[in-house]
Amino acid sequence: MYILFGIKNCDKVKKAMAFLKENQIDYSFHDYKKNGIKEEKLNQWVKQIGWESLINKQGTTWKMLDKNQQAQILDAKKAIALMIEKNSVIKRPLLEKNGQIVALGLEEVKTL
């Protein structure tokens, strides 16, 4: 079964949920705001696709950081700390199956 990670009120996550439902793809939903995200899971993802891919630099959360805070995110350890503290900075939606990322972002979800 798939696990969809995101924030329930995010438009792209809502569209991903609708796509999965319309295409009768079974999934469970992990809401960062309700359930948080564990360092172990972020480490798994970083090993798969790199920390740079996980940070949404186009989003409001990133843009609200001051330039000094943004400049300090130079490695996986610092990026993971930021993602734990401000989980809405994680690019979404993220779709996982059997511990592997299969899609990151709405357009990739729609290719299932």
PDB file of N, CA and C in Angstrom:
ATOM      1  N   MET A   1       0.834  -1.191   0.000  1.00  0.00           N
ATOM      2  CA  MET A   1       0.000   0.000   0.000  1.00  0.00           C
ATOM      3  C   MET A   1       0.873   1.246   0.000  1.00  0.00           C
ATOM      4  N   TYR A   2       0.356   2.268  -0.623  1.00  0.00           N
ATOM      5  CA  TYR A   2       1.045   3.546  -0.677  1.00  0.00           C
ATOM      6  C   TYR A   2       0.791   4.348   0.605  1.00  0.00           C
ATOM      7  N   ILE A   3       1.736   5.212   0.917  1.00  0.00           N
ATOM      8  CA  ILE A   3       1.553   6.197   1.981  1.00  0.00           C
ATOM      9  C   ILE A   3       1.769   7.564   1.343  1.00  0.00           C
ATOM     10  N   LEU A   4       0.776   8.419   1.481  1.00  0.00           N
ATOM     11  CA  LEU A   4       0.862   9.784   0.978  1.00  0.00           C
ATOM     12  C   LEU A   4       1.225  10.690   2.148  1.00  0.00           C
ATOM     13  N   PHE A   5       2.336  11.400   2.027  1.00  0.00           N
ATOM     14  CA  PHE A   5       2.799  12.319   3.063  1.00  0.00           C
ATOM     15  C   PHE A   5       2.508  13.742   2.623  1.00  0.00           C
ATOM     16  N   GLY A   6       2.022  14.548   3.559  1.00  0.00           N
ATOM     17  CA  GLY A   6       1.768  15.942   3.242  1.00  0.00           C
ATOM     18  C   GLY A   6       1.021  16.648   4.350  1.00  0.00           C
ATOM     19  N   ILE A   7       0.360  17.712   3.983  1.00  0.00           N
ATOM     20  CA  ILE A   7      -0.440  18.524   4.896  1.00  0.00           C
ATOM     21  C   ILE A   7      -1.850  18.561   4.323  1.00  0.00           C
ATOM     22  N   LYS A   8      -2.813  18.220   5.148  1.00  0.00           N
ATOM     23  CA  LYS A   8      -4.191  18.031   4.691  1.00  0.00           C
ATOM     24  C   LYS A   8      -4.767  19.232   3.948  1.00  0.00           C
ATOM     25  N   ASN A   9      -4.423  20.452   4.360  1.00  0.00           N
ATOM     26  CA  ASN A   9      -5.024  21.630   3.715  1.00  0.00           C
ATOM     27  C   ASN A   9      -4.225  22.147   2.519  1.00  0.00           C
ATOM     28  N   CYS A  10      -3.186  21.444   2.110  1.00  0.00           N
ATOM     29  CA  CYS A  10      -2.381  21.832   0.944  1.00  0.00           C
ATOM     30  C   CYS A  10      -3.136  21.462  -0.337  1.00  0.00           C
ATOM     31  N   ASP A  11      -3.270  22.412  -1.247  1.00  0.00           N
ATOM     32  CA  ASP A  11      -4.000  22.169  -2.493  1.00  0.00           C
ATOM     33  C   ASP A  11      -3.412  21.019  -3.312  1.00  0.00           C
ATOM     34  N   LYS A  12      -2.099  20.961  -3.392  1.00  0.00           N
ATOM     35  CA  LYS A  12      -1.472  19.888  -4.175  1.00  0.00           C
ATOM     36  C   LYS A  12      -1.707  18.523  -3.531  1.00  0.00           C
ATOM     37  N   VAL A  13      -1.712  18.479  -2.227  1.00  0.00           N
ATOM     38  CA  VAL A  13      -1.992  17.222  -1.530  1.00  0.00           C
ATOM     39  C   VAL A  13      -3.447  16.823  -1.758  1.00  0.00           C
ATOM     40  N   LYS A  14      -4.347  17.789  -1.700  1.00  0.00           N
ATOM     41  CA  LYS A  14      -5.766  17.510  -1.962  1.00  0.00           C
ATOM     42  C   LYS A  14      -5.947  16.941  -3.374  1.00  0.00           C
ATOM     43  N   LYS A  15      -5.253  17.523  -4.340  1.00  0.00           N
ATOM     44  CA  LYS A  15      -5.343  17.040  -5.723  1.00  0.00           C
ATOM     45  C   LYS A  15      -4.754  15.636  -5.853  1.00  0.00           C
ATOM     46  N   ALA A  16      -3.666  15.378  -5.139  1.00  0.00           N
ATOM     47  CA  ALA A  16      -3.068  14.040  -5.158  1.00  0.00           C
ATOM     48  C   ALA A  16      -4.035  13.015  -4.554  1.00  0.00           C
ATOM     49  N   MET A  17      -4.685  13.386  -3.459  1.00  0.00           N
ATOM     50  CA  MET A  17      -5.658  12.493  -2.825  1.00  0.00           C
ATOM     51  C   MET A  17      -6.811  12.196  -3.781  1.00  0.00           C
ATOM     52  N   ALA A  18      -7.282  13.235  -4.459  1.00  0.00           N
ATOM     53  CA  ALA A  18      -8.371  13.054  -5.415  1.00  0.00           C
ATOM     54  C   ALA A  18      -7.939  12.143  -6.558  1.00  0.00           C
ATOM     55  N   PHE A  19      -6.735  12.336  -7.062  1.00  0.00           N
ATOM     56  CA  PHE A  19      -6.215  11.498  -8.144  1.00  0.00           C
ATOM     57  C   PHE A  19      -6.147  10.036  -7.705  1.00  0.00           C
ATOM     58  N   LEU A  20      -5.601   9.786  -6.520  1.00  0.00           N
ATOM     59  CA  LEU A  20      -5.473   8.419  -6.031  1.00  0.00           C
ATOM     60  C   LEU A  20      -6.850   7.776  -5.862  1.00  0.00           C
ATOM     61  N   LYS A  21      -7.796   8.533  -5.331  1.00  0.00           N
ATOM     62  CA  LYS A  21      -9.154   8.021  -5.133  1.00  0.00           C
ATOM     63  C   LYS A  21      -9.817   7.727  -6.480  1.00  0.00           C
ATOM     64  N   GLU A  22      -9.728   8.678  -7.412  1.00  0.00           N
ATOM     65  CA  GLU A  22     -10.344   8.499  -8.737  1.00  0.00           C
ATOM     66  C   GLU A  22      -9.789   7.282  -9.467  1.00  0.00           C
ATOM     67  N   ASN A  23      -8.514   6.997  -9.237  1.00  0.00           N
ATOM     68  CA  ASN A  23      -7.868   5.879  -9.911  1.00  0.00           C
ATOM     69  C   ASN A  23      -7.843   4.613  -9.053  1.00  0.00           C
ATOM     70  N   GLN A  24      -8.614   4.640  -7.965  1.00  0.00           N
ATOM     71  CA  GLN A  24      -8.780   3.493  -7.072  1.00  0.00           C
ATOM     72  C   GLN A  24      -7.449   2.922  -6.606  1.00  0.00           C
ATOM     73  N   ILE A  25      -6.549   3.829  -6.239  1.00  0.00           N
ATOM     74  CA  ILE A  25      -5.235   3.445  -5.708  1.00  0.00           C
ATOM     75  C   ILE A  25      -5.311   3.549  -4.193  1.00  0.00           C
ATOM     76  N   ASP A  26      -5.154   2.416  -3.514  1.00  0.00           N
ATOM     77  CA  ASP A  26      -5.220   2.398  -2.051  1.00  0.00           C
ATOM     78  C   ASP A  26      -4.011   3.107  -1.452  1.00  0.00           C
ATOM     79  N   TYR A  27      -4.291   3.918  -0.440  1.00  0.00           N
ATOM     80  CA  TYR A  27      -3.216   4.632   0.244  1.00  0.00           C
ATOM     81  C   TYR A  27      -3.670   4.992   1.647  1.00  0.00           C
ATOM     82  N   SER A  28      -2.698   5.258   2.487  1.00  0.00           N
ATOM     83  CA  SER A  28      -2.980   5.871   3.781  1.00  0.00           C
ATOM     84  C   SER A  28      -2.337   7.251   3.755  1.00  0.00           C
ATOM     85  N   PHE A  29      -2.806   8.123   4.625  1.00  0.00           N
ATOM     86  CA  PHE A  29      -2.323   9.502   4.621  1.00  0.00           C
ATOM     87  C   PHE A  29      -1.578   9.805   5.915  1.00  0.00           C
ATOM     88  N   HIS A  30      -0.396  10.380   5.767  1.00  0.00           N
ATOM     89  CA  HIS A  30       0.403  10.820   6.919  1.00  0.00           C
ATOM     90  C   HIS A  30       0.449  12.342   6.874  1.00  0.00           C
ATOM     91  N   ASP A  31      -0.208  12.966   7.831  1.00  0.00           N
ATOM     92  CA  ASP A  31      -0.281  14.425   7.915  1.00  0.00           C
ATOM     93  C   ASP A  31       0.864  14.925   8.794  1.00  0.00           C
ATOM     94  N   TYR A  32       1.775  15.681   8.191  1.00  0.00           N
ATOM     95  CA  TYR A  32       2.907  16.228   8.945  1.00  0.00           C
ATOM     96  C   TYR A  32       2.459  17.056  10.137  1.00  0.00           C
ATOM     97  N   LYS A  33       1.380  17.793   9.979  1.00  0.00           N
ATOM     98  CA  LYS A  33       0.930  18.677  11.064  1.00  0.00           C
ATOM     99  C   LYS A  33       0.398  17.886  12.258  1.00  0.00           C
ATOM    100  N   LYS A  34      -0.282  16.780  12.003  1.00  0.00           N
ATOM    101  CA  LYS A  34      -0.828  15.968  13.089  1.00  0.00           C
ATOM    102  C   LYS A  34       0.175  14.957  13.619  1.00  0.00           C
ATOM    103  N   ASN A  35       0.935  14.348  12.706  1.00  0.00           N
ATOM    104  CA  ASN A  35       1.797  13.227  13.071  1.00  0.00           C
ATOM    105  C   ASN A  35       3.282  13.552  13.106  1.00  0.00           C
ATOM    106  N   GLY A  36       3.653  14.743  12.638  1.00  0.00           N
ATOM    107  CA  GLY A  36       5.067  15.088  12.581  1.00  0.00           C
ATOM    108  C   GLY A  36       5.805  14.199  11.587  1.00  0.00           C
ATOM    109  N   ILE A  37       7.114  14.228  11.678  1.00  0.00           N
ATOM    110  CA  ILE A  37       7.964  13.373  10.836  1.00  0.00           C
ATOM    111  C   ILE A  37       9.206  13.034  11.650  1.00  0.00           C
ATOM    112  N   LYS A  38       9.595  11.783  11.604  1.00  0.00           N
ATOM    113  CA  LYS A  38      10.728  11.320  12.409  1.00  0.00           C
ATOM    114  C   LYS A  38      12.042  11.467  11.642  1.00  0.00           C
ATOM    115  N   GLU A  39      13.086  11.710  12.393  1.00  0.00           N
ATOM    116  CA  GLU A  39      14.421  11.847  11.810  1.00  0.00           C
ATOM    117  C   GLU A  39      14.796  10.602  11.008  1.00  0.00           C
ATOM    118  N   GLU A  40      14.436   9.449  11.508  1.00  0.00           N
ATOM    119  CA  GLU A  40      14.758   8.195  10.815  1.00  0.00           C
ATOM    120  C   GLU A  40      14.155   8.170   9.408  1.00  0.00           C
ATOM    121  N   LYS A  41      12.903   8.587   9.286  1.00  0.00           N
ATOM    122  CA  LYS A  41      12.233   8.611   7.980  1.00  0.00           C
ATOM    123  C   LYS A  41      12.907   9.614   7.050  1.00  0.00           C
ATOM    124  N   LEU A  42      13.238  10.788   7.571  1.00  0.00           N
ATOM    125  CA  LEU A  42      13.920  11.791   6.748  1.00  0.00           C
ATOM    126  C   LEU A  42      15.285  11.285   6.286  1.00  0.00           C
ATOM    127  N   ASN A  43      15.999  10.580   7.152  1.00  0.00           N
ATOM    128  CA  ASN A  43      17.286   9.997   6.756  1.00  0.00           C
ATOM    129  C   ASN A  43      17.111   8.990   5.626  1.00  0.00           C
ATOM    130  N   GLN A  44      16.057   8.188   5.683  1.00  0.00           N
ATOM    131  CA  GLN A  44      15.777   7.233   4.597  1.00  0.00           C
ATOM    132  C   GLN A  44      15.561   7.969   3.281  1.00  0.00           C
ATOM    133  N   TRP A  45      14.752   9.020   3.358  1.00  0.00           N
ATOM    134  CA  TRP A  45      14.455   9.776   2.135  1.00  0.00           C
ATOM    135  C   TRP A  45      15.694  10.468   1.588  1.00  0.00           C
ATOM    136  N   VAL A  46      16.499  11.042   2.481  1.00  0.00           N
ATOM    137  CA  VAL A  46      17.721  11.724   2.052  1.00  0.00           C
ATOM    138  C   VAL A  46      18.637  10.740   1.325  1.00  0.00           C
ATOM    139  N   LYS A  47      18.731   9.514   1.817  1.00  0.00           N
ATOM    140  CA  LYS A  47      19.557   8.494   1.158  1.00  0.00           C
ATOM    141  C   LYS A  47      19.022   8.158  -0.221  1.00  0.00           C
ATOM    142  N   GLN A  48      17.710   8.248  -0.392  1.00  0.00           N
ATOM    143  CA  GLN A  48      17.099   7.904  -1.678  1.00  0.00           C
ATOM    144  C   GLN A  48      17.223   9.023  -2.714  1.00  0.00           C
ATOM    145  N   ILE A  49      16.935  10.270  -2.302  1.00  0.00           N
ATOM    146  CA  ILE A  49      16.863  11.342  -3.308  1.00  0.00           C
ATOM    147  C   ILE A  49      17.668  12.595  -2.965  1.00  0.00           C
ATOM    148  N   GLY A  50      18.316  12.600  -1.806  1.00  0.00           N
ATOM    149  CA  GLY A  50      19.092  13.774  -1.418  1.00  0.00           C
ATOM    150  C   GLY A  50      18.245  14.812  -0.708  1.00  0.00           C
ATOM    151  N   TRP A  51      18.854  15.534   0.216  1.00  0.00           N
ATOM    152  CA  TRP A  51      18.114  16.518   1.006  1.00  0.00           C
ATOM    153  C   TRP A  51      17.642  17.698   0.171  1.00  0.00           C
ATOM    154  N   GLU A  52      18.397  18.031  -0.861  1.00  0.00           N
ATOM    155  CA  GLU A  52      18.050  19.181  -1.691  1.00  0.00           C
ATOM    156  C   GLU A  52      16.692  19.009  -2.367  1.00  0.00           C
ATOM    157  N   SER A  53      16.365  17.777  -2.745  1.00  0.00           N
ATOM    158  CA  SER A  53      15.080  17.506  -3.400  1.00  0.00           C
ATOM    159  C   SER A  53      13.912  17.597  -2.435  1.00  0.00           C
ATOM    160  N   LEU A  54      14.170  17.399  -1.158  1.00  0.00           N
ATOM    161  CA  LEU A  54      13.103  17.384  -0.160  1.00  0.00           C
ATOM    162  C   LEU A  54      12.696  18.772   0.323  1.00  0.00           C
ATOM    163  N   ILE A  55      13.577  19.733   0.190  1.00  0.00           N
ATOM    164  CA  ILE A  55      13.280  21.093   0.646  1.00  0.00           C
ATOM    165  C   ILE A  55      12.537  21.846  -0.454  1.00  0.00           C
ATOM    166  N   ASN A  56      11.369  22.377  -0.099  1.00  0.00           N
ATOM    167  CA  ASN A  56      10.574  23.150  -1.052  1.00  0.00           C
ATOM    168  C   ASN A  56      10.976  24.622  -0.960  1.00  0.00           C
ATOM    169  N   LYS A  57      11.896  25.011  -1.811  1.00  0.00           N
ATOM    170  CA  LYS A  57      12.389  26.390  -1.792  1.00  0.00           C
ATOM    171  C   LYS A  57      11.429  27.368  -2.475  1.00  0.00           C
ATOM    172  N   GLN A  58      10.376  26.854  -3.091  1.00  0.00           N
ATOM    173  CA  GLN A  58       9.367  27.727  -3.712  1.00  0.00           C
ATOM    174  C   GLN A  58       8.226  28.044  -2.748  1.00  0.00           C
ATOM    175  N   GLY A  59       8.195  27.338  -1.625  1.00  0.00           N
ATOM    176  CA  GLY A  59       7.078  27.477  -0.701  1.00  0.00           C
ATOM    177  C   GLY A  59       7.228  28.619   0.287  1.00  0.00           C
ATOM    178  N   THR A  60       6.122  28.947   0.924  1.00  0.00           N
ATOM    179  CA  THR A  60       6.049  30.046   1.881  1.00  0.00           C
ATOM    180  C   THR A  60       6.967  29.825   3.084  1.00  0.00           C
ATOM    181  N   THR A  61       7.013  28.602   3.578  1.00  0.00           N
ATOM    182  CA  THR A  61       7.820  28.335   4.779  1.00  0.00           C
ATOM    183  C   THR A  61       9.288  28.669   4.531  1.00  0.00           C
ATOM    184  N   TRP A  62       9.820  28.243   3.392  1.00  0.00           N
ATOM    185  CA  TRP A  62      11.216  28.549   3.056  1.00  0.00           C
ATOM    186  C   TRP A  62      11.406  30.056   2.889  1.00  0.00           C
ATOM    187  N   LYS A  63      10.498  30.670   2.189  1.00  0.00           N
ATOM    188  CA  LYS A  63      10.617  32.097   1.906  1.00  0.00           C
ATOM    189  C   LYS A  63      10.500  32.953   3.167  1.00  0.00           C
ATOM    190  N   MET A  64       9.831  32.425   4.198  1.00  0.00           N
ATOM    191  CA  MET A  64       9.703  33.165   5.450  1.00  0.00           C
ATOM    192  C   MET A  64      10.980  33.096   6.299  1.00  0.00           C
ATOM    193  N   LEU A  65      11.867  32.171   5.987  1.00  0.00           N
ATOM    194  CA  LEU A  65      13.149  32.125   6.683  1.00  0.00           C
ATOM    195  C   LEU A  65      13.977  33.324   6.236  1.00  0.00           C
ATOM    196  N   ASP A  66      14.738  33.899   7.141  1.00  0.00           N
ATOM    197  CA  ASP A  66      15.599  34.997   6.696  1.00  0.00           C
ATOM    198  C   ASP A  66      16.778  34.416   5.908  1.00  0.00           C
ATOM    199  N   LYS A  67      17.444  35.276   5.177  1.00  0.00           N
ATOM    200  CA  LYS A  67      18.535  34.839   4.286  1.00  0.00           C
ATOM    201  C   LYS A  67      19.633  34.105   5.046  1.00  0.00           C
ATOM    202  N   ASN A  68      19.910  34.512   6.266  1.00  0.00           N
ATOM    203  CA  ASN A  68      20.922  33.853   7.086  1.00  0.00           C
ATOM    204  C   ASN A  68      20.508  32.414   7.410  1.00  0.00           C
ATOM    205  N   GLN A  69      19.241  32.221   7.777  1.00  0.00           N
ATOM    206  CA  GLN A  69      18.742  30.875   8.070  1.00  0.00           C
ATOM    207  C   GLN A  69      18.819  29.999   6.819  1.00  0.00           C
ATOM    208  N   GLN A  70      18.414  30.533   5.693  1.00  0.00           N
ATOM    209  CA  GLN A  70      18.476  29.770   4.442  1.00  0.00           C
ATOM    210  C   GLN A  70      19.915  29.387   4.114  1.00  0.00           C
ATOM    211  N   ALA A  71      20.825  30.313   4.296  1.00  0.00           N
ATOM    212  CA  ALA A  71      22.233  30.082   3.959  1.00  0.00           C
ATOM    213  C   ALA A  71      22.868  29.011   4.840  1.00  0.00           C
ATOM    214  N   GLN A  72      22.310  28.764   6.008  1.00  0.00           N
ATOM    215  CA  GLN A  72      22.870  27.770   6.926  1.00  0.00           C
ATOM    216  C   GLN A  72      22.491  26.339   6.562  1.00  0.00           C
ATOM    217  N   ILE A  73      21.547  26.157   5.659  1.00  0.00           N
ATOM    218  CA  ILE A  73      21.124  24.815   5.267  1.00  0.00           C
ATOM    219  C   ILE A  73      22.067  24.333   4.157  1.00  0.00           C
ATOM    220  N   LEU A  74      23.166  23.746   4.601  1.00  0.00           N
ATOM    221  CA  LEU A  74      24.237  23.357   3.674  1.00  0.00           C
ATOM    222  C   LEU A  74      24.480  21.860   3.598  1.00  0.00           C
ATOM    223  N   ASP A  75      23.829  21.101   4.478  1.00  0.00           N
ATOM    224  CA  ASP A  75      24.063  19.661   4.472  1.00  0.00           C
ATOM    225  C   ASP A  75      22.822  18.931   4.976  1.00  0.00           C
ATOM    226  N   ALA A  76      22.850  17.610   4.882  1.00  0.00           N
ATOM    227  CA  ALA A  76      21.693  16.799   5.257  1.00  0.00           C
ATOM    228  C   ALA A  76      21.319  16.976   6.722  1.00  0.00           C
ATOM    229  N   LYS A  77      22.297  17.054   7.597  1.00  0.00           N
ATOM    230  CA  LYS A  77      22.011  17.175   9.027  1.00  0.00           C
ATOM    231  C   LYS A  77      21.209  18.446   9.329  1.00  0.00           C
ATOM    232  N   LYS A  78      21.634  19.557   8.758  1.00  0.00           N
ATOM    233  CA  LYS A  78      20.936  20.825   8.985  1.00  0.00           C
ATOM    234  C   LYS A  78      19.573  20.839   8.290  1.00  0.00           C
ATOM    235  N   ALA A  79      19.498  20.238   7.115  1.00  0.00           N
ATOM    236  CA  ALA A  79      18.226  20.179   6.390  1.00  0.00           C
ATOM    237  C   ALA A  79      17.216  19.329   7.157  1.00  0.00           C
ATOM    238  N   ILE A  80      17.658  18.217   7.702  1.00  0.00           N
ATOM    239  CA  ILE A  80      16.767  17.352   8.475  1.00  0.00           C
ATOM    240  C   ILE A  80      16.279  18.066   9.726  1.00  0.00           C
ATOM    241  N   ALA A  81      17.166  18.770  10.393  1.00  0.00           N
ATOM    242  CA  ALA A  81      16.760  19.532  11.581  1.00  0.00           C
ATOM    243  C   ALA A  81      15.684  20.561  11.211  1.00  0.00           C
ATOM    244  N   LEU A  82      15.858  21.231  10.081  1.00  0.00           N
ATOM    245  CA  LEU A  82      14.865  22.199   9.629  1.00  0.00           C
ATOM    246  C   LEU A  82      13.534  21.512   9.312  1.00  0.00           C
ATOM    247  N   MET A  83      13.578  20.362   8.622  1.00  0.00           N
ATOM    248  CA  MET A  83      12.356  19.659   8.243  1.00  0.00           C
ATOM    249  C   MET A  83      11.596  19.140   9.458  1.00  0.00           C
ATOM    250  N   ILE A  84      12.315  18.785  10.505  1.00  0.00           N
ATOM    251  CA  ILE A  84      11.653  18.351  11.734  1.00  0.00           C
ATOM    252  C   ILE A  84      11.002  19.548  12.420  1.00  0.00           C
ATOM    253  N   GLU A  85      11.721  20.660  12.481  1.00  0.00           N
ATOM    254  CA  GLU A  85      11.212  21.860  13.142  1.00  0.00           C
ATOM    255  C   GLU A  85      10.064  22.508  12.366  1.00  0.00           C
ATOM    256  N   LYS A  86      10.210  22.573  11.049  1.00  0.00           N
ATOM    257  CA  LYS A  86       9.219  23.233  10.190  1.00  0.00           C
ATOM    258  C   LYS A  86       8.846  22.269   9.068  1.00  0.00           C
ATOM    259  N   ASN A  87       8.006  21.278   9.407  1.00  0.00           N
ATOM    260  CA  ASN A  87       7.724  20.210   8.450  1.00  0.00           C
ATOM    261  C   ASN A  87       6.996  20.677   7.191  1.00  0.00           C
ATOM    262  N   SER A  88       6.434  21.860   7.204  1.00  0.00           N
ATOM    263  CA  SER A  88       5.798  22.356   5.980  1.00  0.00           C
ATOM    264  C   SER A  88       6.819  22.792   4.925  1.00  0.00           C
ATOM    265  N   VAL A  89       8.099  22.751   5.255  1.00  0.00           N
ATOM    266  CA  VAL A  89       9.139  23.058   4.271  1.00  0.00           C
ATOM    267  C   VAL A  89       9.436  21.832   3.380  1.00  0.00           C
ATOM    268  N   ILE A  90       8.906  20.676   3.757  1.00  0.00           N
ATOM    269  CA  ILE A  90       9.133  19.462   2.967  1.00  0.00           C
ATOM    270  C   ILE A  90       8.271  19.526   1.707  1.00  0.00           C
ATOM    271  N   LYS A  91       8.889  19.257   0.567  1.00  0.00           N
ATOM    272  CA  LYS A  91       8.154  19.261  -0.698  1.00  0.00           C
ATOM    273  C   LYS A  91       7.048  18.218  -0.624  1.00  0.00           C
ATOM    274  N   ARG A  92       5.892  18.578  -1.162  1.00  0.00           N
ATOM    275  CA  ARG A  92       4.749  17.684  -1.097  1.00  0.00           C
ATOM    276  C   ARG A  92       3.901  17.802  -2.360  1.00  0.00           C
ATOM    277  N   PRO A  93       3.114  16.790  -2.591  1.00  0.00           N
ATOM    278  CA  PRO A  93       2.976  15.546  -1.866  1.00  0.00           C
ATOM    279  C   PRO A  93       4.138  14.600  -2.132  1.00  0.00           C
ATOM    280  N   LEU A  94       4.386  13.742  -1.163  1.00  0.00           N
ATOM    281  CA  LEU A  94       5.402  12.703  -1.296  1.00  0.00           C
ATOM    282  C   LEU A  94       4.676  11.375  -1.152  1.00  0.00           C
ATOM    283  N   LEU A  95       4.888  10.489  -2.110  1.00  0.00           N
ATOM    284  CA  LEU A  95       4.223   9.185  -2.110  1.00  0.00           C
ATOM    285  C   LEU A  95       5.277   8.103  -1.970  1.00  0.00           C
ATOM    286  N   GLU A  96       5.017   7.212  -1.035  1.00  0.00           N
ATOM    287  CA  GLU A  96       5.971   6.161  -0.704  1.00  0.00           C
ATOM    288  C   GLU A  96       5.280   4.806  -0.803  1.00  0.00           C
ATOM    289  N   LYS A  97       6.033   3.791  -1.215  1.00  0.00           N
ATOM    290  CA  LYS A  97       5.547   2.417  -1.212  1.00  0.00           C
ATOM    291  C   LYS A  97       6.690   1.515  -0.774  1.00  0.00           C
ATOM    292  N   ASN A  98       6.418   0.702   0.222  1.00  0.00           N
ATOM    293  CA  ASN A  98       7.421  -0.227   0.760  1.00  0.00           C
ATOM    294  C   ASN A  98       8.708   0.490   1.148  1.00  0.00           C
ATOM    295  N   GLY A  99       8.571   1.670   1.741  1.00  0.00           N
ATOM    296  CA  GLY A  99       9.732   2.416   2.209  1.00  0.00           C
ATOM    297  C   GLY A  99      10.492   3.162   1.131  1.00  0.00           C
ATOM    298  N   GLN A 100      10.005   3.131  -0.097  1.00  0.00           N
ATOM    299  CA  GLN A 100      10.683   3.798  -1.207  1.00  0.00           C
ATOM    300  C   GLN A 100       9.818   4.941  -1.739  1.00  0.00           C
ATOM    301  N   ILE A 101      10.436   6.072  -1.999  1.00  0.00           N
ATOM    302  CA  ILE A 101       9.723   7.193  -2.610  1.00  0.00           C
ATOM    303  C   ILE A 101       9.424   6.821  -4.061  1.00  0.00           C
ATOM    304  N   VAL A 102       8.142   6.897  -4.428  1.00  0.00           N
ATOM    305  CA  VAL A 102       7.756   6.614  -5.809  1.00  0.00           C
ATOM    306  C   VAL A 102       7.328   7.883  -6.544  1.00  0.00           C
ATOM    307  N   ALA A 103       7.026   8.937  -5.790  1.00  0.00           N
ATOM    308  CA  ALA A 103       6.638  10.209  -6.418  1.00  0.00           C
ATOM    309  C   ALA A 103       6.866  11.350  -5.437  1.00  0.00           C
ATOM    310  N   LEU A 104       7.381  12.451  -5.961  1.00  0.00           N
ATOM    311  CA  LEU A 104       7.576  13.665  -5.170  1.00  0.00           C
ATOM    312  C   LEU A 104       7.039  14.830  -5.982  1.00  0.00           C
ATOM    313  N   GLY A 105       5.954  15.414  -5.509  1.00  0.00           N
ATOM    314  CA  GLY A 105       5.287  16.483  -6.242  1.00  0.00           C
ATOM    315  C   GLY A 105       4.059  15.942  -6.961  1.00  0.00           C
ATOM    316  N   LEU A 106       3.098  16.802  -7.181  1.00  0.00           N
ATOM    317  CA  LEU A 106       1.827  16.406  -7.772  1.00  0.00           C
ATOM    318  C   LEU A 106       1.986  15.791  -9.158  1.00  0.00           C
ATOM    319  N   GLU A 107       2.814  16.364  -9.987  1.00  0.00           N
ATOM    320  CA  GLU A 107       2.962  15.843 -11.355  1.00  0.00           C
ATOM    321  C   GLU A 107       3.484  14.413 -11.368  1.00  0.00           C
ATOM    322  N   GLU A 108       4.395  14.087 -10.460  1.00  0.00           N
ATOM    323  CA  GLU A 108       4.901  12.713 -10.388  1.00  0.00           C
ATOM    324  C   GLU A 108       3.828  11.760  -9.876  1.00  0.00           C
ATOM    325  N   VAL A 109       3.006  12.215  -8.937  1.00  0.00           N
ATOM    326  CA  VAL A 109       1.904  11.372  -8.436  1.00  0.00           C
ATOM    327  C   VAL A 109       0.974  11.019  -9.597  1.00  0.00           C
ATOM    328  N   LYS A 110       0.706  11.977 -10.444  1.00  0.00           N
ATOM    329  CA  LYS A 110      -0.220  11.772 -11.548  1.00  0.00           C
ATOM    330  C   LYS A 110       0.310  10.832 -12.635  1.00  0.00           C
ATOM    331  N   THR A 111       1.574  10.419 -12.528  1.00  0.00           N
ATOM    332  CA  THR A 111       2.127   9.492 -13.511  1.00  0.00           C
ATOM    333  C   THR A 111       1.947   8.027 -13.114  1.00  0.00           C
ATOM    334  N   LEU A 112       1.350   7.797 -11.958  1.00  0.00           N
ATOM    335  CA  LEU A 112       1.129   6.405 -11.508  1.00  0.00           C
ATOM    336  C   LEU A 112       0.177   5.672 -12.430  1.00  0.00           C
TER     337      LEU A 112
END
